[in-house]
Amino acid sequence: MAHHLSPISGHGPAINHKFISSKERFFAHRGQYELILEQTFLCIGSWSEKKVYRPYNELLPTGGLLAGVLFNRYFDQAGPPFGGELEEYQELFSSKFEIKKMELCNNSHPARAGSELFIECKKG
């Protein structure tokens, strides 16, 4: 079930938001959004699962934006969170998106400094 957030008022036209809170709902969800904010969601799947992350492509129209934060490291444990590296993300997104930015975050929490990437990708 998607969580509906209140429209932003007093800051231009009202914007309806949806927050999809689980991997299963994300894969089953249908709709189109101009912007998807990614906050380490990709870390819940292994690299074999990341290769089939079709929802970003399907949920964004041509020109839509995917922006947010990805882990730029691997973890010692066997399960989530899973990590990744810059080159792997570039390969994953470059076939469907124009990568506008994919660089180390400059404002990470000190405990995560150097291990997060900021991304901004436009669907082609």
C-alpha atoms as a PDB file:
ATOM      1  CA  MET A   1       0.000   0.000   0.000  1.00  0.00           C
ATOM      2  CA  ALA A   2       1.391   3.392  -0.975  1.00  0.00           C
ATOM      3  CA  HIS A   3       1.439   6.068   1.674  1.00  0.00           C
ATOM      4  CA  HIS A   4      -0.114   9.292   0.468  1.00  0.00           C
ATOM      5  CA  LEU A   5       1.620  12.441   1.627  1.00  0.00           C
ATOM      6  CA  SER A   6      -0.145  15.749   1.895  1.00  0.00           C
ATOM      7  CA  PRO A   7       0.268  18.109  -1.041  1.00  0.00           C
ATOM      8  CA  ILE A   8       2.812  20.864  -0.545  1.00  0.00           C
ATOM      9  CA  SER A   9       0.773  24.008   0.001  1.00  0.00           C
ATOM     10  CA  GLY A  10       1.743  27.595  -0.526  1.00  0.00           C
ATOM     11  CA  HIS A  11       4.674  26.675  -2.787  1.00  0.00           C
ATOM     12  CA  GLY A  12       3.154  26.710  -6.251  1.00  0.00           C
ATOM     13  CA  PRO A  13       0.652  24.149  -7.522  1.00  0.00           C
ATOM     14  CA  ALA A  14      -0.281  21.259  -5.263  1.00  0.00           C
ATOM     15  CA  ILE A  15       1.791  18.131  -5.854  1.00  0.00           C
ATOM     16  CA  ASN A  16       0.456  14.691  -5.043  1.00  0.00           C
ATOM     17  CA  HIS A  17       3.120  12.398  -3.598  1.00  0.00           C
ATOM     18  CA  LYS A  18       3.269   8.664  -3.103  1.00  0.00           C
ATOM     19  CA  PHE A  19       5.725   6.867  -0.878  1.00  0.00           C
ATOM     20  CA  ILE A  20       6.184   3.218  -1.799  1.00  0.00           C
ATOM     21  CA  SER A  21       7.684   1.576   1.239  1.00  0.00           C
ATOM     22  CA  SER A  22       8.587  -1.980   0.268  1.00  0.00           C
ATOM     23  CA  LYS A  23      10.407  -3.818  -2.474  1.00  0.00           C
ATOM     24  CA  GLU A  24       7.356  -5.940  -3.319  1.00  0.00           C
ATOM     25  CA  ARG A  25       5.083  -2.908  -3.695  1.00  0.00           C
ATOM     26  CA  PHE A  26       7.716  -1.113  -5.747  1.00  0.00           C
ATOM     27  CA  PHE A  27       7.868  -3.949  -8.294  1.00  0.00           C
ATOM     28  CA  ALA A  28       4.073  -4.241  -8.512  1.00  0.00           C
ATOM     29  CA  HIS A  29       3.369  -0.502  -8.599  1.00  0.00           C
ATOM     30  CA  ARG A  30       2.037   1.105 -11.773  1.00  0.00           C
ATOM     31  CA  GLY A  31       2.005   4.799 -12.535  1.00  0.00           C
ATOM     32  CA  GLN A  32       4.196   7.550 -13.944  1.00  0.00           C
ATOM     33  CA  TYR A  33       6.169  10.155 -12.035  1.00  0.00           C
ATOM     34  CA  GLU A  34       8.297  13.059 -13.183  1.00  0.00           C
ATOM     35  CA  LEU A  35      10.729  12.487 -10.306  1.00  0.00           C
ATOM     36  CA  ILE A  36      11.796   9.476  -8.256  1.00  0.00           C
ATOM     37  CA  LEU A  37      13.978  10.086  -5.223  1.00  0.00           C
ATOM     38  CA  GLU A  38      16.280   7.157  -4.498  1.00  0.00           C
ATOM     39  CA  GLN A  39      17.565   6.838  -0.931  1.00  0.00           C
ATOM     40  CA  THR A  40      19.674   3.666  -0.898  1.00  0.00           C
ATOM     41  CA  PHE A  41      16.684   1.581  -2.107  1.00  0.00           C
ATOM     42  CA  LEU A  42      18.965  -0.324  -4.471  1.00  0.00           C
ATOM     43  CA  CYS A  43      20.848  -1.654  -1.433  1.00  0.00           C
ATOM     44  CA  ILE A  44      17.979  -4.055  -0.642  1.00  0.00           C
ATOM     45  CA  GLY A  45      18.762  -6.211  -3.667  1.00  0.00           C
ATOM     46  CA  SER A  46      21.820  -8.178  -4.699  1.00  0.00           C
ATOM     47  CA  TRP A  47      23.520  -7.332  -8.000  1.00  0.00           C
ATOM     48  CA  SER A  48      21.608 -10.098  -9.778  1.00  0.00           C
ATOM     49  CA  GLU A  49      18.372  -8.392  -8.652  1.00  0.00           C
ATOM     50  CA  LYS A  50      19.609  -4.915  -9.583  1.00  0.00           C
ATOM     51  CA  LYS A  51      19.953  -5.972 -13.200  1.00  0.00           C
ATOM     52  CA  VAL A  52      16.182  -6.401 -13.380  1.00  0.00           C
ATOM     53  CA  TYR A  53      15.290  -3.136 -11.667  1.00  0.00           C
ATOM     54  CA  ARG A  54      12.845  -2.205 -14.408  1.00  0.00           C
ATOM     55  CA  PRO A  55      10.544  -0.028 -12.268  1.00  0.00           C
ATOM     56  CA  TYR A  56      12.724   3.081 -12.556  1.00  0.00           C
ATOM     57  CA  ASN A  57      12.461   2.908 -16.317  1.00  0.00           C
ATOM     58  CA  GLU A  58       8.733   2.119 -16.308  1.00  0.00           C
ATOM     59  CA  LEU A  59       7.705   4.626 -13.642  1.00  0.00           C
ATOM     60  CA  LEU A  60       9.463   7.570 -15.289  1.00  0.00           C
ATOM     61  CA  PRO A  61       8.303   9.098 -18.579  1.00  0.00           C
ATOM     62  CA  THR A  62      10.860  10.266 -21.139  1.00  0.00           C
ATOM     63  CA  GLY A  63      12.589  13.243 -19.546  1.00  0.00           C
ATOM     64  CA  GLY A  64      11.724  12.105 -16.000  1.00  0.00           C
ATOM     65  CA  LEU A  65      14.400  12.344 -13.321  1.00  0.00           C
ATOM     66  CA  LEU A  66      15.874   9.800 -10.939  1.00  0.00           C
ATOM     67  CA  ALA A  67      17.880  11.501  -8.201  1.00  0.00           C
ATOM     68  CA  GLY A  68      19.204  10.484  -4.830  1.00  0.00           C
ATOM     69  CA  VAL A  69      21.833   8.543  -2.937  1.00  0.00           C
ATOM     70  CA  LEU A  70      23.422   5.130  -3.548  1.00  0.00           C
ATOM     71  CA  PHE A  71      25.987   3.263  -1.474  1.00  0.00           C
ATOM     72  CA  ASN A  72      29.474   3.392  -2.953  1.00  0.00           C
ATOM     73  CA  ARG A  73      30.851   0.446  -1.012  1.00  0.00           C
ATOM     74  CA  TYR A  74      30.272  -3.211  -0.249  1.00  0.00           C
ATOM     75  CA  PHE A  75      29.265  -4.630   3.120  1.00  0.00           C
ATOM     76  CA  ASP A  76      30.690  -7.607   5.013  1.00  0.00           C
ATOM     77  CA  GLN A  77      27.383  -9.361   5.821  1.00  0.00           C
ATOM     78  CA  ALA A  78      25.626 -11.711   3.413  1.00  0.00           C
ATOM     79  CA  GLY A  79      22.292  -9.878   3.260  1.00  0.00           C
ATOM     80  CA  PRO A  80      20.925  -6.363   3.010  1.00  0.00           C
ATOM     81  CA  PRO A  81      22.234  -3.860   2.772  1.00  0.00           C
ATOM     82  CA  PHE A  82      24.041  -4.752  -0.424  1.00  0.00           C
ATOM     83  CA  GLY A  83      26.458  -2.233  -1.852  1.00  0.00           C
ATOM     84  CA  GLY A  84      27.861  -1.291  -5.204  1.00  0.00           C
ATOM     85  CA  GLU A  85      30.450   0.856  -6.909  1.00  0.00           C
ATOM     86  CA  LEU A  86      30.366   3.808  -9.281  1.00  0.00           C
ATOM     87  CA  GLU A  87      31.268   1.806 -12.389  1.00  0.00           C
ATOM     88  CA  GLU A  88      28.540  -0.777 -11.717  1.00  0.00           C
ATOM     89  CA  TYR A  89      25.880   1.909 -11.306  1.00  0.00           C
ATOM     90  CA  GLN A  90      27.068   3.641 -14.467  1.00  0.00           C
ATOM     91  CA  GLU A  91      26.665   0.378 -16.365  1.00  0.00           C
ATOM     92  CA  LEU A  92      23.253  -0.291 -14.796  1.00  0.00           C
ATOM     93  CA  PHE A  93      21.757   3.120 -15.623  1.00  0.00           C
ATOM     94  CA  SER A  94      23.535   4.172 -18.831  1.00  0.00           C
ATOM     95  CA  SER A  95      21.401   2.109 -21.213  1.00  0.00           C
ATOM     96  CA  LYS A  96      18.130   3.866 -20.255  1.00  0.00           C
ATOM     97  CA  PHE A  97      19.254   7.132 -18.645  1.00  0.00           C
ATOM     98  CA  GLU A  98      21.455  10.117 -19.358  1.00  0.00           C
ATOM     99  CA  ILE A  99      23.689  10.284 -16.295  1.00  0.00           C
ATOM    100  CA  LYS A 100      23.816  13.968 -15.425  1.00  0.00           C
ATOM    101  CA  LYS A 101      25.608  13.452 -12.093  1.00  0.00           C
ATOM    102  CA  MET A 102      27.031  10.432 -10.376  1.00  0.00           C
ATOM    103  CA  GLU A 103      29.628  11.508  -7.875  1.00  0.00           C
ATOM    104  CA  LEU A 104      30.663  11.227  -4.249  1.00  0.00           C
ATOM    105  CA  CYS A 105      28.229  13.005  -1.940  1.00  0.00           C
ATOM    106  CA  ASN A 106      29.698  16.139  -0.450  1.00  0.00           C
ATOM    107  CA  ASN A 107      27.241  16.330   2.440  1.00  0.00           C
ATOM    108  CA  SER A 108      27.067  12.787   3.832  1.00  0.00           C
ATOM    109  CA  HIS A 109      26.856  12.099   7.534  1.00  0.00           C
ATOM    110  CA  PRO A 110      30.456  11.808   8.800  1.00  0.00           C
ATOM    111  CA  ALA A 111      29.994   8.062   9.437  1.00  0.00           C
ATOM    112  CA  ARG A 112      29.131   7.559   5.726  1.00  0.00           C
ATOM    113  CA  ALA A 113      31.545  10.102   4.220  1.00  0.00           C
ATOM    114  CA  GLY A 114      33.150   8.686   1.092  1.00  0.00           C
ATOM    115  CA  SER A 115      30.727   5.768   0.878  1.00  0.00           C
ATOM    116  CA  GLU A 116      27.716   7.443  -0.766  1.00  0.00           C
ATOM    117  CA  LEU A 117      27.128   8.610  -4.323  1.00  0.00           C
ATOM    118  CA  PHE A 118      24.736  11.363  -5.365  1.00  0.00           C
ATOM    119  CA  ILE A 119      22.988  10.545  -8.623  1.00  0.00           C
ATOM    120  CA  GLU A 120      20.910  12.561 -11.055  1.00  0.00           C
ATOM    121  CA  CYS A 121      19.779  10.672 -14.134  1.00  0.00           C
ATOM    122  CA  LYS A 122      17.358  11.732 -16.854  1.00  0.00           C
ATOM    123  CA  LYS A 123      15.351   9.108 -18.681  1.00  0.00           C
ATOM    124  CA  GLY A 124      16.133   9.182 -22.401  1.00  0.00           C
END
